Structure formats: structure tokens, C-alpha cells
């Protein structure tokens, strides 16, 4: 869970891959990026009620769509997201 400025800033930086069977929840969050990351991620944007508003897979050095009504973003292995799309 990344729910402070510092934990959100750190995010998944410094890792060589997305840890298997894990996720990172960023809150509050409306947009994510993969600058300085070495691997792609899946991003699921949720509102306050937990309703999925948007999903996308981001390659390294990309910026996600800005999702105005999002309250949080769950970052997952891209394969897990592709299976649910």
C-alpha cells in the first residue's frame, strides 16, 4: 500500500520485475507512470466505491491516462490484467 507521498514516489522503482502474485495500491491516485522502471505493469483505476473505471498496460517510460474520478490505482503483473480484459 502506498498512501503517502514518499511511498507513492518510491512505488516499484528499483525492482527488476513485478513480484509474482502481488499488487501495489496507490491512494489517492488518478494517474501513474513507468519512468525509470525496467518492466511493464498493469494499472487498474478504481473510484471510492471500488468500481473499475479504467484498465491499461503500461510499458516502461510511459504515462497512463488521467482518470478524473479515480481514487486509487492498483498496479499488477500485466499478464493478470490481460486475462481480465
PDB file of N, CA and C in Angstrom:
ATOM      1  N   UNK A   1       0.856  -1.176   0.000  1.00  0.00           N
ATOM      2  CA  UNK A   1       0.000   0.000   0.000  1.00  0.00           C
ATOM      3  C   UNK A   1       0.896   1.232   0.000  1.00  0.00           C
ATOM      4  N   UNK A   2       0.653   2.113  -0.910  1.00  0.00           N
ATOM      5  CA  UNK A   2       1.379   3.380  -0.971  1.00  0.00           C
ATOM      6  C   UNK A   2       0.350   4.494  -0.758  1.00  0.00           C
ATOM      7  N   UNK A   3       0.315   5.012   0.446  1.00  0.00           N
ATOM      8  CA  UNK A   3      -0.700   6.016   0.767  1.00  0.00           C
ATOM      9  C   UNK A   3      -0.101   7.308   1.327  1.00  0.00           C
ATOM     10  N   UNK A   4       1.198   7.495   1.134  1.00  0.00           N
ATOM     11  CA  UNK A   4       1.840   8.756   1.488  1.00  0.00           C
ATOM     12  C   UNK A   4       2.638   9.222   0.279  1.00  0.00           C
ATOM     13  N   UNK A   5       3.048  10.468   0.294  1.00  0.00           N
ATOM     14  CA  UNK A   5       3.829  10.993  -0.819  1.00  0.00           C
ATOM     15  C   UNK A   5       5.092  10.160  -1.045  1.00  0.00           C
ATOM     16  N   UNK A   6       5.817   9.851   0.022  1.00  0.00           N
ATOM     17  CA  UNK A   6       7.072   9.112  -0.127  1.00  0.00           C
ATOM     18  C   UNK A   6       6.870   7.679  -0.608  1.00  0.00           C
ATOM     19  N   UNK A   7       5.881   6.981  -0.071  1.00  0.00           N
ATOM     20  CA  UNK A   7       5.661   5.599  -0.516  1.00  0.00           C
ATOM     21  C   UNK A   7       5.151   5.571  -1.956  1.00  0.00           C
ATOM     22  N   UNK A   8       4.358   6.552  -2.337  1.00  0.00           N
ATOM     23  CA  UNK A   8       3.900   6.628  -3.734  1.00  0.00           C
ATOM     24  C   UNK A   8       5.043   6.982  -4.666  1.00  0.00           C
ATOM     25  N   UNK A   9       5.912   7.879  -4.222  1.00  0.00           N
ATOM     26  CA  UNK A   9       7.064   8.266  -5.028  1.00  0.00           C
ATOM     27  C   UNK A   9       7.968   7.061  -5.277  1.00  0.00           C
ATOM     28  N   UNK A  10       8.190   6.255  -4.262  1.00  0.00           N
ATOM     29  CA  UNK A  10       9.050   5.070  -4.370  1.00  0.00           C
ATOM     30  C   UNK A  10       8.393   4.000  -5.225  1.00  0.00           C
ATOM     31  N   UNK A  11       7.117   3.719  -4.958  1.00  0.00           N
ATOM     32  CA  UNK A  11       6.381   2.738  -5.753  1.00  0.00           C
ATOM     33  C   UNK A  11       7.159   1.469  -5.999  1.00  0.00           C
ATOM     34  N   UNK A  12       7.301   1.095  -7.255  1.00  0.00           N
ATOM     35  CA  UNK A  12       8.010  -0.126  -7.643  1.00  0.00           C
ATOM     36  C   UNK A  12       9.411   0.161  -8.166  1.00  0.00           C
ATOM     37  N   UNK A  13       9.880   1.391  -8.016  1.00  0.00           N
ATOM     38  CA  UNK A  13      11.209   1.737  -8.508  1.00  0.00           C
ATOM     39  C   UNK A  13      12.283   0.889  -7.837  1.00  0.00           C
ATOM     40  N   UNK A  14      13.295   0.550  -8.590  1.00  0.00           N
ATOM     41  CA  UNK A  14      14.407  -0.232  -8.055  1.00  0.00           C
ATOM     42  C   UNK A  14      14.216  -1.729  -8.155  1.00  0.00           C
ATOM     43  N   UNK A  15      13.061  -2.171  -8.569  1.00  0.00           N
ATOM     44  CA  UNK A  15      12.816  -3.611  -8.727  1.00  0.00           C
ATOM     45  C   UNK A  15      13.113  -4.014 -10.169  1.00  0.00           C
ATOM     46  N   UNK A  16      13.472  -5.255 -10.355  1.00  0.00           N
ATOM     47  CA  UNK A  16      13.761  -5.734 -11.704  1.00  0.00           C
ATOM     48  C   UNK A  16      12.524  -6.331 -12.376  1.00  0.00           C
ATOM     49  N   UNK A  17      11.496  -6.628 -11.589  1.00  0.00           N
ATOM     50  CA  UNK A  17      10.245  -7.156 -12.128  1.00  0.00           C
ATOM     51  C   UNK A  17       9.137  -6.973 -11.105  1.00  0.00           C
ATOM     52  N   UNK A  18       7.912  -7.133 -11.568  1.00  0.00           N
ATOM     53  CA  UNK A  18       6.766  -7.078 -10.669  1.00  0.00           C
ATOM     54  C   UNK A  18       6.758  -8.372  -9.877  1.00  0.00           C
ATOM     55  N   UNK A  19       6.777  -8.305  -8.539  1.00  0.00           N
ATOM     56  CA  UNK A  19       6.744  -9.536  -7.751  1.00  0.00           C
ATOM     57  C   UNK A  19       5.497 -10.364  -8.070  1.00  0.00           C
ATOM     58  N   UNK A  20       5.666 -11.659  -8.224  1.00  0.00           N
ATOM     59  CA  UNK A  20       4.555 -12.556  -8.569  1.00  0.00           C
ATOM     60  C   UNK A  20       3.476 -12.535  -7.487  1.00  0.00           C
ATOM     61  N   UNK A  21       2.232 -12.620  -7.930  1.00  0.00           N
ATOM     62  CA  UNK A  21       1.061 -12.708  -7.041  1.00  0.00           C
ATOM     63  C   UNK A  21       0.984 -11.563  -6.036  1.00  0.00           C
ATOM     64  N   UNK A  22       1.411 -10.376  -6.454  1.00  0.00           N
ATOM     65  CA  UNK A  22       1.314  -9.204  -5.582  1.00  0.00           C
ATOM     66  C   UNK A  22       0.713  -8.044  -6.372  1.00  0.00           C
ATOM     67  N   UNK A  23       0.402  -7.006  -5.649  1.00  0.00           N
ATOM     68  CA  UNK A  23      -0.044  -5.771  -6.279  1.00  0.00           C
ATOM     69  C   UNK A  23       0.423  -4.608  -5.410  1.00  0.00           C
ATOM     70  N   UNK A  24       0.394  -3.430  -5.976  1.00  0.00           N
ATOM     71  CA  UNK A  24       0.689  -2.217  -5.235  1.00  0.00           C
ATOM     72  C   UNK A  24      -0.522  -1.321  -5.366  1.00  0.00           C
ATOM     73  N   UNK A  25      -1.072  -0.882  -4.248  1.00  0.00           N
ATOM     74  CA  UNK A  25      -2.223   0.014  -4.247  1.00  0.00           C
ATOM     75  C   UNK A  25      -1.727   1.413  -3.944  1.00  0.00           C
ATOM     76  N   UNK A  26      -2.009   2.345  -4.851  1.00  0.00           N
ATOM     77  CA  UNK A  26      -1.632   3.748  -4.670  1.00  0.00           C
ATOM     78  C   UNK A  26      -2.903   4.553  -4.409  1.00  0.00           C
ATOM     79  N   UNK A  27      -2.948   5.239  -3.289  1.00  0.00           N
ATOM     80  CA  UNK A  27      -4.122   6.035  -2.948  1.00  0.00           C
ATOM     81  C   UNK A  27      -3.725   7.266  -2.164  1.00  0.00           C
ATOM     82  N   UNK A  28      -4.263   8.413  -2.446  1.00  0.00           N
ATOM     83  CA  UNK A  28      -5.097   8.723  -3.607  1.00  0.00           C
ATOM     84  C   UNK A  28      -4.245   8.759  -4.868  1.00  0.00           C
ATOM     85  N   UNK A  29      -4.858   8.424  -6.000  1.00  0.00           N
ATOM     86  CA  UNK A  29      -4.098   8.385  -7.250  1.00  0.00           C
ATOM     87  C   UNK A  29      -5.061   8.447  -8.433  1.00  0.00           C
ATOM     88  N   UNK A  30      -4.707   9.247  -9.433  1.00  0.00           N
ATOM     89  CA  UNK A  30      -5.516   9.373 -10.651  1.00  0.00           C
ATOM     90  C   UNK A  30      -4.713   9.095 -11.923  1.00  0.00           C
ATOM     91  N   UNK A  31      -3.374   9.007 -11.757  1.00  0.00           N
ATOM     92  CA  UNK A  31      -2.508   8.774 -12.914  1.00  0.00           C
ATOM     93  C   UNK A  31      -1.197   8.173 -12.431  1.00  0.00           C
ATOM     94  N   UNK A  32      -0.609   7.267 -13.208  1.00  0.00           N
ATOM     95  CA  UNK A  32       0.673   6.660 -12.850  1.00  0.00           C
ATOM     96  C   UNK A  32       1.626   6.754 -14.041  1.00  0.00           C
ATOM     97  N   UNK A  33       2.901   6.490 -13.780  1.00  0.00           N
ATOM     98  CA  UNK A  33       3.906   6.468 -14.839  1.00  0.00           C
ATOM     99  C   UNK A  33       4.848   5.294 -14.596  1.00  0.00           C
ATOM    100  N   UNK A  34       5.614   4.984 -15.627  1.00  0.00           N
ATOM    101  CA  UNK A  34       6.602   3.911 -15.514  1.00  0.00           C
ATOM    102  C   UNK A  34       8.004   4.427 -15.839  1.00  0.00           C
ATOM    103  N   UNK A  35       8.250   5.704 -15.564  1.00  0.00           N
ATOM    104  CA  UNK A  35       9.586   6.262 -15.761  1.00  0.00           C
ATOM    105  C   UNK A  35      10.568   5.536 -14.841  1.00  0.00           C
ATOM    106  N   UNK A  36      11.739   5.246 -15.346  1.00  0.00           N
ATOM    107  CA  UNK A  36      12.823   4.586 -14.617  1.00  0.00           C
ATOM    108  C   UNK A  36      12.512   3.137 -14.248  1.00  0.00           C
ATOM    109  N   UNK A  37      11.425   2.590 -14.765  1.00  0.00           N
ATOM    110  CA  UNK A  37      11.090   1.194 -14.484  1.00  0.00           C
ATOM    111  C   UNK A  37      11.614   0.311 -15.612  1.00  0.00           C
ATOM    112  N   UNK A  38      11.931  -0.940 -15.293  1.00  0.00           N
ATOM    113  CA  UNK A  38      12.514  -1.877 -16.254  1.00  0.00           C
ATOM    114  C   UNK A  38      11.508  -2.892 -16.782  1.00  0.00           C
ATOM    115  N   UNK A  39      10.262  -2.779 -16.384  1.00  0.00           N
ATOM    116  CA  UNK A  39       9.274  -3.783 -16.755  1.00  0.00           C
ATOM    117  C   UNK A  39       7.898  -3.136 -16.905  1.00  0.00           C
ATOM    118  N   UNK A  40       7.006  -3.746 -17.671  1.00  0.00           N
ATOM    119  CA  UNK A  40       5.653  -3.214 -17.819  1.00  0.00           C
ATOM    120  C   UNK A  40       4.797  -3.537 -16.597  1.00  0.00           C
ATOM    121  N   UNK A  41       3.741  -2.782 -16.420  1.00  0.00           N
ATOM    122  CA  UNK A  41       2.784  -3.031 -15.335  1.00  0.00           C
ATOM    123  C   UNK A  41       1.359  -2.937 -15.881  1.00  0.00           C
ATOM    124  N   UNK A  42       0.446  -3.580 -15.186  1.00  0.00           N
ATOM    125  CA  UNK A  42      -0.969  -3.376 -15.430  1.00  0.00           C
ATOM    126  C   UNK A  42      -1.480  -2.392 -14.394  1.00  0.00           C
ATOM    127  N   UNK A  43      -2.341  -1.479 -14.802  1.00  0.00           N
ATOM    128  CA  UNK A  43      -2.887  -0.479 -13.895  1.00  0.00           C
ATOM    129  C   UNK A  43      -4.414  -0.523 -13.944  1.00  0.00           C
ATOM    130  N   UNK A  44      -5.026  -0.658 -12.771  1.00  0.00           N
ATOM    131  CA  UNK A  44      -6.479  -0.691 -12.648  1.00  0.00           C
ATOM    132  C   UNK A  44      -6.887   0.515 -11.805  1.00  0.00           C
ATOM    133  N   UNK A  45      -7.703   1.384 -12.374  1.00  0.00           N
ATOM    134  CA  UNK A  45      -8.142   2.614 -11.715  1.00  0.00           C
ATOM    135  C   UNK A  45      -9.538   2.395 -11.118  1.00  0.00           C
ATOM    136  N   UNK A  46      -9.666   2.697  -9.832  1.00  0.00           N
ATOM    137  CA  UNK A  46     -10.924   2.470  -9.120  1.00  0.00           C
ATOM    138  C   UNK A  46     -11.443   3.772  -8.520  1.00  0.00           C
ATOM    139  N   UNK A  47     -12.776   3.885  -8.399  1.00  0.00           N
ATOM    140  CA  UNK A  47     -13.341   5.037  -7.701  1.00  0.00           C
ATOM    141  C   UNK A  47     -13.461   4.723  -6.212  1.00  0.00           C
ATOM    142  N   UNK A  48     -14.067   5.631  -5.448  1.00  0.00           N
ATOM    143  CA  UNK A  48     -14.179   5.453  -3.986  1.00  0.00           C
ATOM    144  C   UNK A  48     -14.954   4.203  -3.604  1.00  0.00           C
ATOM    145  N   UNK A  49     -15.883   3.789  -4.463  1.00  0.00           N
ATOM    146  CA  UNK A  49     -16.701   2.609  -4.179  1.00  0.00           C
ATOM    147  C   UNK A  49     -16.042   1.311  -4.648  1.00  0.00           C
ATOM    148  N   UNK A  50     -14.857   1.410  -5.258  1.00  0.00           N
ATOM    149  CA  UNK A  50     -14.164   0.220  -5.739  1.00  0.00           C
ATOM    150  C   UNK A  50     -14.578  -0.224  -7.123  1.00  0.00           C
ATOM    151  N   UNK A  51     -15.311   0.626  -7.833  1.00  0.00           N
ATOM    152  CA  UNK A  51     -15.740   0.302  -9.193  1.00  0.00           C
ATOM    153  C   UNK A  51     -14.586   0.582 -10.153  1.00  0.00           C
ATOM    154  N   UNK A  52     -14.320  -0.376 -11.042  1.00  0.00           N
ATOM    155  CA  UNK A  52     -13.246  -0.212 -12.024  1.00  0.00           C
ATOM    156  C   UNK A  52     -13.673   0.826 -13.057  1.00  0.00           C
ATOM    157  N   UNK A  53     -12.846   1.872 -13.197  1.00  0.00           N
ATOM    158  CA  UNK A  53     -13.118   2.935 -14.158  1.00  0.00           C
ATOM    159  C   UNK A  53     -12.300   2.785 -15.437  1.00  0.00           C
ATOM    160  N   UNK A  54     -11.107   2.210 -15.304  1.00  0.00           N
ATOM    161  CA  UNK A  54     -10.205   2.122 -16.450  1.00  0.00           C
ATOM    162  C   UNK A  54      -9.125   1.088 -16.159  1.00  0.00           C
ATOM    163  N   UNK A  55      -8.675   0.384 -17.208  1.00  0.00           N
ATOM    164  CA  UNK A  55      -7.561  -0.568 -17.088  1.00  0.00           C
ATOM    165  C   UNK A  55      -6.633  -0.346 -18.267  1.00  0.00           C
ATOM    166  N   UNK A  56      -5.327  -0.453 -18.021  1.00  0.00           N
ATOM    167  CA  UNK A  56      -4.374  -0.385 -19.121  1.00  0.00           C
ATOM    168  C   UNK A  56      -3.059  -1.042 -18.733  1.00  0.00           C
ATOM    169  N   UNK A  57      -2.307  -1.456 -19.741  1.00  0.00           N
ATOM    170  CA  UNK A  57      -0.965  -1.998 -19.552  1.00  0.00           C
ATOM    171  C   UNK A  57       0.011  -0.924 -20.001  1.00  0.00           C
ATOM    172  N   UNK A  58       0.993  -0.633 -19.145  1.00  0.00           N
ATOM    173  CA  UNK A  58       1.979   0.404 -19.445  1.00  0.00           C
ATOM    174  C   UNK A  58       3.361  -0.213 -19.594  1.00  0.00           C
ATOM    175  N   UNK A  59       4.010   0.047 -20.717  1.00  0.00           N
ATOM    176  CA  UNK A  59       5.399  -0.347 -20.915  1.00  0.00           C
ATOM    177  C   UNK A  59       6.282   0.643 -20.165  1.00  0.00           C
ATOM    178  N   UNK A  60       7.563   0.331 -19.962  1.00  0.00           N
ATOM    179  CA  UNK A  60       8.459   1.292 -19.320  1.00  0.00           C
ATOM    180  C   UNK A  60       8.486   2.628 -20.073  1.00  0.00           C
ATOM    181  N   UNK A  61       8.663   3.699 -19.309  1.00  0.00           N
ATOM    182  CA  UNK A  61       8.761   5.070 -19.818  1.00  0.00           C
ATOM    183  C   UNK A  61       7.463   5.560 -20.457  1.00  0.00           C
ATOM    184  N   UNK A  62       6.345   5.206 -19.844  1.00  0.00           N
ATOM    185  CA  UNK A  62       5.033   5.663 -20.331  1.00  0.00           C
ATOM    186  C   UNK A  62       4.276   6.353 -19.197  1.00  0.00           C
ATOM    187  N   UNK A  63       3.242   7.095 -19.579  1.00  0.00           N
ATOM    188  CA  UNK A  63       2.343   7.756 -18.625  1.00  0.00           C
ATOM    189  C   UNK A  63       0.939   7.252 -18.917  1.00  0.00           C
ATOM    190  N   UNK A  64       0.206   6.919 -17.866  1.00  0.00           N
ATOM    191  CA  UNK A  64      -1.156   6.428 -18.039  1.00  0.00           C
ATOM    192  C   UNK A  64      -2.101   7.573 -18.383  1.00  0.00           C
ATOM    193  N   UNK A  65      -3.277   7.190 -18.747  1.00  0.00           N
ATOM    194  CA  UNK A  65      -4.372   8.133 -18.911  1.00  0.00           C
ATOM    195  C   UNK A  65      -4.663   8.762 -17.543  1.00  0.00           C
ATOM    196  N   UNK A  66      -5.065  10.025 -17.507  1.00  0.00           N
ATOM    197  CA  UNK A  66      -5.516  10.671 -16.277  1.00  0.00           C
ATOM    198  C   UNK A  66      -6.991  10.314 -16.105  1.00  0.00           C
ATOM    199  N   UNK A  67      -7.322   9.663 -14.996  1.00  0.00           N
ATOM    200  CA  UNK A  67      -8.706   9.233 -14.743  1.00  0.00           C
ATOM    201  C   UNK A  67      -9.271  10.122 -13.643  1.00  0.00           C
ATOM    202  N   UNK A  68     -10.036  11.097 -14.048  1.00  0.00           N
ATOM    203  CA  UNK A  68     -10.521  12.167 -13.166  1.00  0.00           C
ATOM    204  C   UNK A  68     -11.223  11.658 -11.907  1.00  0.00           C
ATOM    205  N   UNK A  69     -12.063  10.666 -12.027  1.00  0.00           N
ATOM    206  CA  UNK A  69     -12.853  10.195 -10.885  1.00  0.00           C
ATOM    207  C   UNK A  69     -12.196   9.061 -10.103  1.00  0.00           C
ATOM    208  N   UNK A  70     -10.956   8.709 -10.454  1.00  0.00           N
ATOM    209  CA  UNK A  70     -10.268   7.623  -9.748  1.00  0.00           C
ATOM    210  C   UNK A  70      -9.858   8.067  -8.348  1.00  0.00           C
ATOM    211  N   UNK A  71      -9.927   7.144  -7.420  1.00  0.00           N
ATOM    212  CA  UNK A  71      -9.476   7.367  -6.047  1.00  0.00           C
ATOM    213  C   UNK A  71      -8.183   6.599  -5.786  1.00  0.00           C
ATOM    214  N   UNK A  72      -8.023   5.484  -6.502  1.00  0.00           N
ATOM    215  CA  UNK A  72      -6.831   4.659  -6.299  1.00  0.00           C
ATOM    216  C   UNK A  72      -6.486   3.919  -7.579  1.00  0.00           C
ATOM    217  N   UNK A  73      -5.223   3.477  -7.634  1.00  0.00           N
ATOM    218  CA  UNK A  73      -4.751   2.654  -8.741  1.00  0.00           C
ATOM    219  C   UNK A  73      -4.108   1.407  -8.147  1.00  0.00           C
ATOM    220  N   UNK A  74      -4.449   0.266  -8.707  1.00  0.00           N
ATOM    221  CA  UNK A  74      -3.847  -0.996  -8.304  1.00  0.00           C
ATOM    222  C   UNK A  74      -2.916  -1.415  -9.435  1.00  0.00           C
ATOM    223  N   UNK A  75      -1.630  -1.548  -9.114  1.00  0.00           N
ATOM    224  CA  UNK A  75      -0.645  -1.981 -10.095  1.00  0.00           C
ATOM    225  C   UNK A  75      -0.429  -3.480  -9.936  1.00  0.00           C
ATOM    226  N   UNK A  76      -0.504  -4.203 -11.069  1.00  0.00           N
ATOM    227  CA  UNK A  76      -0.416  -5.660 -11.070  1.00  0.00           C
ATOM    228  C   UNK A  76       0.501  -6.117 -12.199  1.00  0.00           C
ATOM    229  N   UNK A  77       0.794  -7.423 -12.233  1.00  0.00           N
ATOM    230  CA  UNK A  77       1.513  -8.009 -13.360  1.00  0.00           C
ATOM    231  C   UNK A  77       0.663  -7.789 -14.625  1.00  0.00           C
ATOM    232  N   UNK A  78       1.271  -7.393 -15.728  1.00  0.00           N
ATOM    233  CA  UNK A  78       0.475  -7.147 -16.928  1.00  0.00           C
ATOM    234  C   UNK A  78      -0.314  -8.379 -17.388  1.00  0.00           C
ATOM    235  N   UNK A  79       0.238  -9.567 -17.190  1.00  0.00           N
ATOM    236  CA  UNK A  79      -0.464 -10.782 -17.584  1.00  0.00           C
ATOM    237  C   UNK A  79      -1.774 -10.965 -16.840  1.00  0.00           C
ATOM    238  N   UNK A  80      -1.798 -10.581 -15.569  1.00  0.00           N
ATOM    239  CA  UNK A  80      -3.020 -10.697 -14.772  1.00  0.00           C
ATOM    240  C   UNK A  80      -4.086  -9.757 -15.314  1.00  0.00           C
ATOM    241  N   UNK A  81      -3.684  -8.600 -15.765  1.00  0.00           N
ATOM    242  CA  UNK A  81      -4.636  -7.633 -16.295  1.00  0.00           C
ATOM    243  C   UNK A  81      -5.141  -8.085 -17.661  1.00  0.00           C
ATOM    244  N   UNK A  82      -4.256  -8.600 -18.484  1.00  0.00           N
ATOM    245  CA  UNK A  82      -4.665  -9.047 -19.823  1.00  0.00           C
ATOM    246  C   UNK A  82      -5.681 -10.169 -19.743  1.00  0.00           C
ATOM    247  N   UNK A  83      -5.577 -11.030 -18.724  1.00  0.00           N
ATOM    248  CA  UNK A  83      -6.514 -12.131 -18.564  1.00  0.00           C
ATOM    249  C   UNK A  83      -7.923 -11.632 -18.238  1.00  0.00           C
ATOM    250  N   UNK A  84      -8.019 -10.453 -17.597  1.00  0.00           N
ATOM    251  CA  UNK A  84      -9.312  -9.949 -17.168  1.00  0.00           C
ATOM    252  C   UNK A  84      -9.916  -8.968 -18.169  1.00  0.00           C
ATOM    253  N   UNK A  85      -9.196  -8.643 -19.235  1.00  0.00           N
ATOM    254  CA  UNK A  85      -9.698  -7.651 -20.197  1.00  0.00           C
ATOM    255  C   UNK A  85     -10.557  -8.280 -21.259  1.00  0.00           C
TER     256      UNK A  85
END
